[in-house]
C-alpha atoms as a PDB file:
ATOM      1  CA  MET A   1     -57.349  28.894  54.899  1.00  0.00           C
ATOM      2  CA  LYS A   2     -56.077  32.066  56.555  1.00  0.00           C
ATOM      3  CA  ALA A   3     -53.220  30.153  58.155  1.00  0.00           C
ATOM      4  CA  THR A   4     -52.237  28.609  54.832  1.00  0.00           C
ATOM      5  CA  LEU A   5     -52.166  31.991  53.107  1.00  0.00           C
ATOM      6  CA  LEU A   6     -50.213  33.562  55.934  1.00  0.00           C
ATOM      7  CA  ILE A   7     -47.370  31.090  55.924  1.00  0.00           C
ATOM      8  CA  SER A   8     -47.285  31.073  52.137  1.00  0.00           C
ATOM      9  CA  PHE A   9     -46.760  34.801  52.288  1.00  0.00           C
ATOM     10  CA  LEU A  10     -44.069  34.629  54.929  1.00  0.00           C
ATOM     11  CA  LEU A  11     -42.076  31.845  53.341  1.00  0.00           C
ATOM     12  CA  LEU A  12     -42.398  33.104  49.793  1.00  0.00           C
ATOM     13  CA  PHE A  13     -41.820  36.635  50.926  1.00  0.00           C
ATOM     14  CA  GLY A  14     -38.101  36.627  50.225  1.00  0.00           C
ATOM     15  CA  PHE A  15     -37.748  39.409  52.793  1.00  0.00           C
ATOM     16  CA  THR A  16     -35.288  42.196  52.299  1.00  0.00           C
ATOM     17  CA  GLN A  17     -31.592  41.681  51.684  1.00  0.00           C
ATOM     18  CA  ALA A  18     -29.542  43.184  54.490  1.00  0.00           C
ATOM     19  CA  GLN A  19     -27.254  44.757  51.923  1.00  0.00           C
ATOM     20  CA  ASN A  20     -30.030  46.055  49.697  1.00  0.00           C
ATOM     21  CA  ILE A  21     -29.530  49.687  50.641  1.00  0.00           C
ATOM     22  CA  LYS A  22     -27.605  52.147  48.542  1.00  0.00           C
ATOM     23  CA  ALA A  23     -27.298  55.278  50.688  1.00  0.00           C
ATOM     24  CA  ALA A  24     -24.500  56.024  53.158  1.00  0.00           C
ATOM     25  CA  TYR A  25     -25.158  57.069  56.748  1.00  0.00           C
ATOM     26  CA  ASP A  26     -24.228  60.699  55.991  1.00  0.00           C
ATOM     27  CA  SER A  27     -25.977  60.921  52.614  1.00  0.00           C
ATOM     28  CA  LYS A  28     -28.662  63.478  51.844  1.00  0.00           C
ATOM     29  CA  GLU A  29     -31.125  60.595  51.326  1.00  0.00           C
ATOM     30  CA  ILE A  30     -30.639  59.225  54.843  1.00  0.00           C
ATOM     31  CA  GLN A  31     -30.786  62.735  56.270  1.00  0.00           C
ATOM     32  CA  ALA A  32     -34.079  63.269  54.453  1.00  0.00           C
ATOM     33  CA  LEU A  33     -35.478  60.045  55.957  1.00  0.00           C
ATOM     34  CA  GLN A  34     -34.557  61.242  59.441  1.00  0.00           C
ATOM     35  CA  LYS A  35     -35.989  64.704  58.935  1.00  0.00           C
ATOM     36  CA  GLY A  36     -39.066  63.443  57.095  1.00  0.00           C
ATOM     37  CA  PRO A  37     -41.718  63.205  56.220  1.00  0.00           C
ATOM     38  CA  LEU A  38     -41.486  59.860  54.507  1.00  0.00           C
ATOM     39  CA  TYR A  39     -44.364  60.056  52.036  1.00  0.00           C
ATOM     40  CA  VAL A  40     -46.454  56.883  52.157  1.00  0.00           C
ATOM     41  CA  ILE A  41     -48.088  56.627  48.739  1.00  0.00           C
ATOM     42  CA  ALA A  42     -51.627  55.260  48.806  1.00  0.00           C
ATOM     43  CA  THR A  43     -52.178  53.062  45.757  1.00  0.00           C
ATOM     44  CA  GLY A  44     -55.926  53.503  45.678  1.00  0.00           C
ATOM     45  CA  ASP A  45     -56.506  49.857  46.581  1.00  0.00           C
ATOM     46  CA  GLU A  46     -58.209  50.334  49.946  1.00  0.00           C
ATOM     47  CA  THR A  47     -57.625  46.779  51.174  1.00  0.00           C
ATOM     48  CA  PHE A  48     -53.908  46.951  50.502  1.00  0.00           C
ATOM     49  CA  ASP A  49     -53.492  50.548  51.637  1.00  0.00           C
ATOM     50  CA  ASP A  50     -55.044  49.858  55.052  1.00  0.00           C
ATOM     51  CA  CYS A  51     -52.512  47.070  55.705  1.00  0.00           C
ATOM     52  CA  PHE A  52     -49.624  49.086  54.298  1.00  0.00           C
ATOM     53  CA  GLN A  53     -50.339  52.189  56.370  1.00  0.00           C
ATOM     54  CA  ALA A  54     -50.861  50.176  59.558  1.00  0.00           C
ATOM     55  CA  ALA A  55     -47.481  48.491  59.069  1.00  0.00           C
ATOM     56  CA  VAL A  56     -45.740  51.844  58.550  1.00  0.00           C
ATOM     57  CA  ALA A  57     -47.405  53.200  61.697  1.00  0.00           C
ATOM     58  CA  ALA A  58     -46.191  50.182  63.673  1.00  0.00           C
ATOM     59  CA  CYS A  59     -42.651  49.821  62.338  1.00  0.00           C
ATOM     60  CA  TRP A  60     -41.254  53.018  60.812  1.00  0.00           C
ATOM     61  CA  LYS A  61     -39.129  54.641  63.552  1.00  0.00           C
ATOM     62  CA  ILE A  62     -36.489  56.591  61.568  1.00  0.00           C
ATOM     63  CA  GLY A  63     -38.503  59.810  61.250  1.00  0.00           C
ATOM     64  CA  PRO A  64     -42.015  61.177  60.678  1.00  0.00           C
ATOM     65  CA  TYR A  65     -44.199  59.995  57.821  1.00  0.00           C
ATOM     66  CA  LYS A  66     -47.241  61.279  55.965  1.00  0.00           C
ATOM     67  CA  VAL A  67     -49.796  59.395  53.864  1.00  0.00           C
ATOM     68  CA  VAL A  68     -50.414  60.988  50.460  1.00  0.00           C
ATOM     69  CA  SER A  69     -52.632  60.115  47.507  1.00  0.00           C
ATOM     70  CA  THR A  70     -51.164  59.292  44.105  1.00  0.00           C
ATOM     71  CA  ALA A  71     -52.158  62.772  42.917  1.00  0.00           C
ATOM     72  CA  GLU A  72     -50.328  64.423  45.827  1.00  0.00           C
ATOM     73  CA  ALA A  73     -47.297  62.172  45.343  1.00  0.00           C
ATOM     74  CA  SER A  74     -47.147  63.075  41.648  1.00  0.00           C
ATOM     75  CA  ASN A  75     -46.776  66.739  42.580  1.00  0.00           C
ATOM     76  CA  LEU A  76     -43.920  65.907  44.981  1.00  0.00           C
ATOM     77  CA  LEU A  77     -42.106  63.418  42.756  1.00  0.00           C
ATOM     78  CA  LYS A  78     -39.615  65.680  40.976  1.00  0.00           C
ATOM     79  CA  ASP A  79     -38.204  67.244  44.153  1.00  0.00           C
ATOM     80  CA  GLU A  80     -35.011  65.322  45.030  1.00  0.00           C
ATOM     81  CA  SER A  81     -35.338  66.225  48.714  1.00  0.00           C
ATOM     82  CA  ASN A  82     -38.573  64.237  49.024  1.00  0.00           C
ATOM     83  CA  VAL A  83     -38.552  60.556  50.011  1.00  0.00           C
ATOM     84  CA  PHE A  84     -41.302  58.018  49.416  1.00  0.00           C
ATOM     85  CA  ILE A  85     -42.317  54.477  50.350  1.00  0.00           C
ATOM     86  CA  ALA A  86     -44.568  52.487  48.024  1.00  0.00           C
ATOM     87  CA  PRO A  87     -45.009  49.110  46.313  1.00  0.00           C
ATOM     88  CA  VAL A  88     -43.386  49.366  42.892  1.00  0.00           C
ATOM     89  CA  THR A  89     -42.962  47.047  39.929  1.00  0.00           C
ATOM     90  CA  SER A  90     -39.173  47.120  39.517  1.00  0.00           C
ATOM     91  CA  PHE A  91     -36.042  49.234  39.755  1.00  0.00           C
ATOM     92  CA  GLU A  92     -34.175  46.944  37.365  1.00  0.00           C
ATOM     93  CA  LYS A  93     -33.052  48.244  34.007  1.00  0.00           C
ATOM     94  CA  GLY A  94     -35.267  47.212  31.159  1.00  0.00           C
ATOM     95  CA  PHE A  95     -38.475  47.290  33.198  1.00  0.00           C
ATOM     96  CA  ALA A  96     -40.817  50.197  33.757  1.00  0.00           C
ATOM     97  CA  CYS A  97     -40.884  51.240  37.394  1.00  0.00           C
ATOM     98  CA  LYS A  98     -44.345  52.232  38.581  1.00  0.00           C
ATOM     99  CA  VAL A  99     -46.353  52.372  41.789  1.00  0.00           C
ATOM    100  CA  ALA A 100     -48.853  49.510  41.838  1.00  0.00           C
ATOM    101  CA  SER A 101     -50.892  47.563  44.364  1.00  0.00           C
ATOM    102  CA  PRO A 102     -49.712  43.929  44.409  1.00  0.00           C
ATOM    103  CA  LEU A 103     -53.329  42.917  44.896  1.00  0.00           C
ATOM    104  CA  THR A 104     -54.509  44.305  41.562  1.00  0.00           C
ATOM    105  CA  TYR A 105     -51.395  44.583  39.376  1.00  0.00           C
ATOM    106  CA  ASP A 106     -50.987  42.027  36.593  1.00  0.00           C
ATOM    107  CA  SER A 107     -47.702  42.485  34.785  1.00  0.00           C
ATOM    108  CA  GLY A 108     -48.133  39.683  32.262  1.00  0.00           C
ATOM    109  CA  ARG A 109     -44.316  39.439  32.185  1.00  0.00           C
ATOM    110  CA  GLY A 110     -43.553  37.844  35.498  1.00  0.00           C
ATOM    111  CA  VAL A 111     -42.420  41.139  37.043  1.00  0.00           C
ATOM    112  CA  GLY A 112     -42.929  41.073  40.800  1.00  0.00           C
ATOM    113  CA  ILE A 113     -43.746  43.862  43.209  1.00  0.00           C
ATOM    114  CA  GLU A 114     -41.239  45.152  45.751  1.00  0.00           C
ATOM    115  CA  LEU A 115     -41.757  47.507  48.649  1.00  0.00           C
ATOM    116  CA  SER A 116     -39.352  50.366  48.050  1.00  0.00           C
ATOM    117  CA  ILE A 117     -38.090  53.566  49.596  1.00  0.00           C
ATOM    118  CA  PHE A 118     -36.948  56.029  46.917  1.00  0.00           C
ATOM    119  CA  HIS A 119     -36.241  59.721  46.533  1.00  0.00           C
ATOM    120  CA  GLY A 120     -37.679  62.274  44.164  1.00  0.00           C
ATOM    121  CA  SER A 121     -35.909  62.919  40.889  1.00  0.00           C
ATOM    122  CA  LYS A 122     -36.155  65.309  37.955  1.00  0.00           C
ATOM    123  CA  ASN A 123     -35.896  62.207  35.759  1.00  0.00           C
ATOM    124  CA  SER A 124     -39.075  60.688  37.193  1.00  0.00           C
ATOM    125  CA  ARG A 125     -41.792  61.443  34.664  1.00  0.00           C
ATOM    126  CA  SER A 126     -44.700  60.128  36.727  1.00  0.00           C
ATOM    127  CA  LEU A 127     -45.658  57.404  39.199  1.00  0.00           C
ATOM    128  CA  ASP A 128     -45.853  55.142  36.135  1.00  0.00           C
ATOM    129  CA  ASN A 129     -42.304  56.002  35.093  1.00  0.00           C
ATOM    130  CA  ILE A 130     -40.058  56.483  38.129  1.00  0.00           C
ATOM    131  CA  ASP A 131     -36.333  57.176  37.772  1.00  0.00           C
ATOM    132  CA  GLN A 132     -34.590  53.811  38.152  1.00  0.00           C
ATOM    133  CA  ASN A 133     -31.651  55.462  39.898  1.00  0.00           C
ATOM    134  CA  SER A 134     -33.763  56.873  42.726  1.00  0.00           C
ATOM    135  CA  GLU A 135     -34.058  53.747  44.880  1.00  0.00           C
ATOM    136  CA  ILE A 136     -32.649  53.938  48.428  1.00  0.00           C
ATOM    137  CA  THR A 137     -33.633  50.515  49.801  1.00  0.00           C
ATOM    138  CA  SER A 138     -36.204  47.866  48.978  1.00  0.00           C
ATOM    139  CA  SER A 139     -37.771  44.588  50.022  1.00  0.00           C
ATOM    140  CA  ILE A 140     -38.809  41.910  47.544  1.00  0.00           C
ATOM    141  CA  PHE A 141     -42.580  41.667  47.550  1.00  0.00           C
ATOM    142  CA  PRO A 142     -44.565  38.648  46.320  1.00  0.00           C
ATOM    143  CA  LEU A 143     -48.191  38.235  45.395  1.00  0.00           C
ATOM    144  CA  TYR A 144     -50.296  39.969  48.002  1.00  0.00           C
ATOM    145  CA  MET A 145     -53.174  38.151  49.669  1.00  0.00           C
ATOM    146  CA  PRO A 146     -55.875  40.328  51.254  1.00  0.00           C
ATOM    147  CA  SER A 147     -56.716  37.930  54.078  1.00  0.00           C
ATOM    148  CA  LEU A 148     -53.199  38.339  55.500  1.00  0.00           C
ATOM    149  CA  ALA A 149     -54.167  41.674  57.037  1.00  0.00           C
ATOM    150  CA  THR A 150     -51.097  43.500  58.386  1.00  0.00           C
ATOM    151  CA  THR A 151     -48.938  40.552  59.445  1.00  0.00           C
ATOM    152  CA  GLY A 152     -46.754  40.159  56.356  1.00  0.00           C
ATOM    153  CA  MET A 153     -46.479  43.886  55.719  1.00  0.00           C
ATOM    154  CA  ILE A 154     -44.993  44.400  59.170  1.00  0.00           C
ATOM    155  CA  TYR A 155     -42.049  42.172  58.264  1.00  0.00           C
ATOM    156  CA  ALA A 156     -41.416  44.220  55.110  1.00  0.00           C
ATOM    157  CA  VAL A 157     -41.580  47.679  56.673  1.00  0.00           C
ATOM    158  CA  LYS A 158     -39.579  46.622  59.724  1.00  0.00           C
ATOM    159  CA  ASN A 159     -36.757  45.286  57.585  1.00  0.00           C
ATOM    160  CA  LEU A 160     -36.625  48.517  55.571  1.00  0.00           C
ATOM    161  CA  ASN A 161     -36.498  50.424  58.855  1.00  0.00           C
ATOM    162  CA  ASP A 162     -33.708  48.144  60.094  1.00  0.00           C
ATOM    163  CA  ASN A 163     -31.687  48.632  56.894  1.00  0.00           C
ATOM    164  CA  VAL A 164     -31.618  52.373  57.447  1.00  0.00           C
ATOM    165  CA  GLN A 165     -31.100  52.150  61.216  1.00  0.00           C
ATOM    166  CA  ILE A 166     -28.065  49.889  60.908  1.00  0.00           C
ATOM    167  CA  VAL A 167     -26.451  52.215  58.378  1.00  0.00           C
ATOM    168  CA  LEU A 168     -26.978  55.047  60.878  1.00  0.00           C
ATOM    169  CA  ASP A 169     -25.884  53.127  63.988  1.00  0.00           C
ATOM    170  CA  ARG A 170     -22.732  51.715  62.416  1.00  0.00           C
ATOM    171  CA  LYS A 171     -21.931  54.753  60.252  1.00  0.00           C
ATOM    172  CA  ILE A 172     -21.750  52.547  57.196  1.00  0.00           C
ATOM    173  CA  ASN A 173     -21.448  53.366  53.531  1.00  0.00           C
ATOM    174  CA  PRO A 174     -23.071  50.294  51.928  1.00  0.00           C
ATOM    175  CA  VAL A 175     -21.204  50.814  48.655  1.00  0.00           C
ATOM    176  CA  SER A 176     -17.472  51.484  48.486  1.00  0.00           C
ATOM    177  CA  LYS A 177     -16.783  54.776  46.729  1.00  0.00           C
ATOM    178  CA  TRP A 178     -13.536  53.270  45.444  1.00  0.00           C
ATOM    179  CA  THR A 179     -14.678  49.943  44.019  1.00  0.00           C
ATOM    180  CA  GLY A 180     -18.444  50.356  43.786  1.00  0.00           C
ATOM    181  CA  LYS A 181     -18.861  47.007  45.558  1.00  0.00           C
ATOM    182  CA  LYS A 182     -21.191  46.420  48.507  1.00  0.00           C
ATOM    183  CA  ASN A 183     -19.752  46.673  51.994  1.00  0.00           C
ATOM    184  CA  ALA A 184     -19.764  43.148  53.453  1.00  0.00           C
ATOM    185  CA  SER A 185     -19.816  44.440  57.038  1.00  0.00           C
ATOM    186  CA  LEU A 186     -23.431  45.512  56.591  1.00  0.00           C
ATOM    187  CA  GLN A 187     -24.585  41.907  56.486  1.00  0.00           C
ATOM    188  CA  GLU A 188     -22.546  41.137  59.592  1.00  0.00           C
ATOM    189  CA  ASP A 189     -24.071  44.044  61.465  1.00  0.00           C
ATOM    190  CA  PHE A 190     -27.592  43.170  60.394  1.00  0.00           C
ATOM    191  CA  CYS A 191     -27.315  39.543  61.462  1.00  0.00           C
ATOM    192  CA  LYS A 192     -26.096  40.186  64.996  1.00  0.00           C
ATOM    193  CA  ASN A 193     -28.734  38.282  66.990  1.00  0.00           C
ATOM    194  CA  THR A 194     -28.036  34.735  65.848  1.00  0.00           C
ATOM    195  CA  GLY A 195     -27.664  33.721  69.488  1.00  0.00           C
ATOM    196  CA  ALA A 196     -31.460  33.702  69.781  1.00  0.00           C
ATOM    197  CA  LEU A 197     -31.295  30.228  68.252  1.00  0.00           C
ATOM    198  CA  LYS A 198     -29.582  28.933  71.392  1.00  0.00           C
ATOM    199  CA  THR A 199     -32.949  28.935  73.109  1.00  0.00           C
ATOM    200  CA  LYS A 200     -35.524  29.291  70.317  1.00  0.00           C
ATOM    201  CA  THR A 201     -36.826  26.597  68.003  1.00  0.00           C
ATOM    202  CA  LEU A 202     -36.193  26.977  64.295  1.00  0.00           C
ATOM    203  CA  LEU A 203     -39.340  26.341  62.228  1.00  0.00           C
ATOM    204  CA  ILE A 204     -38.723  24.745  58.834  1.00  0.00           C
ATOM    205  CA  ASP A 205     -41.439  24.262  56.266  1.00  0.00           C
ATOM    206  CA  GLU A 206     -41.814  20.654  55.143  1.00  0.00           C
ATOM    207  CA  ASP A 207     -41.805  21.741  51.495  1.00  0.00           C
ATOM    208  CA  MET A 208     -38.405  23.339  52.033  1.00  0.00           C
ATOM    209  CA  THR A 209     -36.922  20.010  53.110  1.00  0.00           C
ATOM    210  CA  ALA A 210     -38.164  18.481  49.882  1.00  0.00           C
ATOM    211  CA  PHE A 211     -36.760  21.123  47.537  1.00  0.00           C
ATOM    212  CA  VAL A 212     -34.143  23.212  49.371  1.00  0.00           C
ATOM    213  CA  LEU A 213     -32.593  21.696  52.496  1.00  0.00           C
ATOM    214  CA  PRO A 214     -32.937  17.908  52.996  1.00  0.00           C
ATOM    215  CA  GLU A 215     -34.284  16.756  56.348  1.00  0.00           C
ATOM    216  CA  LYS A 216     -31.523  14.156  56.627  1.00  0.00           C
ATOM    217  CA  MET A 217     -28.894  16.876  56.313  1.00  0.00           C
ATOM    218  CA  ILE A 218     -30.599  19.095  58.888  1.00  0.00           C
ATOM    219  CA  LYS A 219     -30.728  16.219  61.362  1.00  0.00           C
ATOM    220  CA  GLU A 220     -27.091  15.383  60.709  1.00  0.00           C
ATOM    221  CA  LYS A 221     -25.647  18.906  60.805  1.00  0.00           C
ATOM    222  CA  TYR A 222     -27.836  21.354  62.747  1.00  0.00           C
ATOM    223  CA  LYS A 223     -26.978  21.353  66.473  1.00  0.00           C
ATOM    224  CA  TYR A 224     -29.907  23.249  67.940  1.00  0.00           C
ATOM    225  CA  LYS A 225     -33.670  22.838  68.291  1.00  0.00           C
ATOM    226  CA  TYR A 226     -35.815  22.717  65.177  1.00  0.00           C
ATOM    227  CA  LEU A 227     -39.231  21.562  64.023  1.00  0.00           C
ATOM    228  CA  ILE A 228     -40.253  20.529  60.514  1.00  0.00           C
ATOM    229  CA  LEU A 229     -43.933  21.363  60.036  1.00  0.00           C
ATOM    230  CA  GLU A 230     -46.393  21.921  57.244  1.00  0.00           C
ATOM    231  CA  GLY A 231     -47.050  25.524  56.314  1.00  0.00           C
ATOM    232  CA  PRO A 232     -50.440  25.831  58.072  1.00  0.00           C
ATOM    233  CA  GLU A 233     -48.938  24.404  61.262  1.00  0.00           C
ATOM    234  CA  ILE A 234     -46.180  27.019  61.238  1.00  0.00           C
ATOM    235  CA  ALA A 235     -48.772  29.729  60.649  1.00  0.00           C
ATOM    236  CA  ALA A 236     -50.772  28.473  63.627  1.00  0.00           C
ATOM    237  CA  VAL A 237     -47.696  28.799  65.847  1.00  0.00           C
ATOM    238  CA  MET A 238     -46.887  32.267  64.547  1.00  0.00           C
ATOM    239  CA  ASN A 239     -50.423  33.472  65.257  1.00  0.00           C
ATOM    240  CA  THR A 240     -50.094  32.793  68.988  1.00  0.00           C
ATOM    241  CA  THR A 241     -48.281  34.514  71.829  1.00  0.00           C
ATOM    242  CA  ALA A 242     -45.860  31.567  71.792  1.00  0.00           C
ATOM    243  CA  SER A 243     -44.379  32.860  68.529  1.00  0.00           C
ATOM    244  CA  LYS A 244     -41.698  34.678  70.533  1.00  0.00           C
ATOM    245  CA  ASP A 245     -40.113  31.293  71.227  1.00  0.00           C
ATOM    246  CA  TYR A 246     -39.532  30.538  67.529  1.00  0.00           C
ATOM    247  CA  CYS A 247     -37.557  31.565  64.488  1.00  0.00           C
ATOM    248  CA  VAL A 248     -38.450  30.758  60.881  1.00  0.00           C
ATOM    249  CA  LEU A 249     -36.279  29.707  57.946  1.00  0.00           C
ATOM    250  CA  ALA A 250     -36.947  31.516  54.661  1.00  0.00           C
ATOM    251  CA  ASP A 251     -35.622  30.993  51.144  1.00  0.00           C
ATOM    252  CA  CYS A 252     -34.720  34.250  49.414  1.00  0.00           C
ATOM    253  CA  LYS A 253     -33.776  33.510  45.796  1.00  0.00           C
ATOM    254  CA  GLY A 254     -31.384  30.755  46.809  1.00  0.00           C
ATOM    255  CA  SER A 255     -30.109  32.431  49.969  1.00  0.00           C
ATOM    256  CA  LEU A 256     -31.349  30.867  53.213  1.00  0.00           C
ATOM    257  CA  GLU A 257     -32.238  33.437  55.842  1.00  0.00           C
ATOM    258  CA  ILE A 258     -33.625  33.218  59.366  1.00  0.00           C
ATOM    259  CA  TYR A 259     -36.070  35.597  61.059  1.00  0.00           C
ATOM    260  CA  ASP A 260     -36.924  35.931  64.723  1.00  0.00           C
ATOM    261  CA  CYS A 261     -40.715  35.619  65.045  1.00  0.00           C
ATOM    262  CA  GLY A 262     -40.687  37.638  68.256  1.00  0.00           C
ATOM    263  CA  THR A 263     -38.855  40.706  66.932  1.00  0.00           C
ATOM    264  CA  ARG A 264     -39.662  40.154  63.215  1.00  0.00           C
ATOM    265  CA  ALA A 265     -35.998  40.892  62.481  1.00  0.00           C
ATOM    266  CA  LYS A 266     -33.555  39.000  60.325  1.00  0.00           C
ATOM    267  CA  ILE A 267     -30.955  37.280  62.507  1.00  0.00           C
ATOM    268  CA  TRP A 268     -29.002  35.274  59.942  1.00  0.00           C
ATOM    269  CA  SER A 269     -28.249  35.485  56.240  1.00  0.00           C
ATOM    270  CA  GLY A 270     -26.384  32.685  54.517  1.00  0.00           C
ATOM    271  CA  LYS A 271     -24.600  32.262  51.220  1.00  0.00           C
ATOM    272  CA  LYS A 272     -26.179  33.085  47.944  1.00  0.00           C
ATOM    273  CA  ASN A 273     -27.084  30.241  45.603  1.00  0.00           C
ATOM    274  CA  VAL A 274     -27.408  27.469  48.168  1.00  0.00           C
ATOM    275  CA  GLY A 275     -27.555  24.862  45.419  1.00  0.00           C
ATOM    276  CA  SER A 276     -25.128  21.999  45.866  1.00  0.00           C
ATOM    277  CA  ASN A 277     -25.115  19.695  48.886  1.00  0.00           C
ATOM    278  CA  LEU A 278     -21.614  20.934  49.711  1.00  0.00           C
ATOM    279  CA  ILE A 279     -22.823  24.523  49.981  1.00  0.00           C
ATOM    280  CA  LYS A 280     -25.853  23.437  52.023  1.00  0.00           C
ATOM    281  CA  ARG A 281     -23.570  21.667  54.504  1.00  0.00           C
ATOM    282  CA  GLN A 282     -21.330  24.743  54.638  1.00  0.00           C
ATOM    283  CA  TYR A 283     -24.396  26.854  55.327  1.00  0.00           C
ATOM    284  CA  LEU A 284     -25.383  24.710  58.319  1.00  0.00           C
ATOM    285  CA  ASP A 285     -21.798  24.616  59.620  1.00  0.00           C
ATOM    286  CA  ALA A 286     -21.531  28.400  59.400  1.00  0.00           C
ATOM    287  CA  LEU A 287     -24.903  28.798  61.107  1.00  0.00           C
ATOM    288  CA  ASN A 288     -23.863  26.526  63.978  1.00  0.00           C
ATOM    289  CA  SER A 289     -20.606  28.481  64.402  1.00  0.00           C
ATOM    290  CA  ALA A 290     -22.436  31.812  64.403  1.00  0.00           C
ATOM    291  CA  ILE A 291     -24.832  30.589  67.105  1.00  0.00           C
ATOM    292  CA  GLU A 292     -22.009  29.215  69.248  1.00  0.00           C
ATOM    293  CA  GLU A 293     -19.986  32.426  68.973  1.00  0.00           C
ATOM    294  CA  ALA A 294     -22.915  34.773  69.640  1.00  0.00           C
ATOM    295  CA  LYS A 295     -22.741  36.657  72.923  1.00  0.00           C
ATOM    296  CA  ASN A 296     -26.502  36.762  73.470  1.00  0.00           C
END
C-alpha cells in the first residue's frame, strides 16, 4: 500500500516547472532568500508539518531558514523584505490564496495545493488572503498522503531550491523586462544533465503508456534503456539504494518531464501539450538528440 501511494504521489506530482520563477538573480527577493531567514510556515497539521520541515532541512541550501507558527507568520506577512515557504491554495487570479495543509484542505472547487515561496506584501491581508503578486517560485502540489513521509516533499523543496540556484548561477532574469515573456534559456540551464540517461534506465508507468505515450511508439523511437512497470513496482525500485541507477518519467499538465532518482533533480523538460502523435514523436526525437549531445 505504501509503495502504491508513493508512486502515485511522484507521478501525479507534476513537479515544478523550470521556468516557474519570477525573480531575477539580482532582485531584492533573491537577495532576501540568500540572506534569510526563509520563514517555513507551519500549517498546524503535525503530520504534514513534520514532513515539510524535514524536506526543507534536507534540501534548502540557498540561505538560512526558520520555522514559524501561523500566528508568527501573520505578524511578519506585511513586511516586503520577509520571504516565506508554505503550501498555498493558488496564486491565480480569481482564487483566494491561503496557507493550507494539503492533508486537511477541501476546496470544493477543484483548487489544488502548490508549494510556494513568496514575499511579504502590504496587500496581504492575512494568511487566508495573500497578495497574488507576491509569489517568487512555486511547485504544483497534489493531494497529500500521510504515509509518504518525507519522500515526495523532498522532490518539491529541492526543485524550488534548484529554481533559485540556477537563476543565481547563470545570472538570469526569468522574465524579459522588455517583452514580459519568460526567458527560454532558463529551461535549457535547468535541464543540463540529460546525459544521465546514457547509462540510467528510464522508468515509465504502465498507465502512462495507456493514456500519454504509447508503448509501441516508445519502442520504436526511444534509443536508450527503459522499463515499463506498474506504479507499485516503480515505487519498490525507488525505495532501494539501486534508485540511483534510474530516472522516472512524469506528466506535468501535458508536458513530459524526466527526473533523476539519484539526485531528485529534473534533467529534461519537453514540449507543452504533448497531445498529438506527431508531437509525441517529436518529443522522443528531441530527447534522444539531447542525450546524444550531452557531455556527461
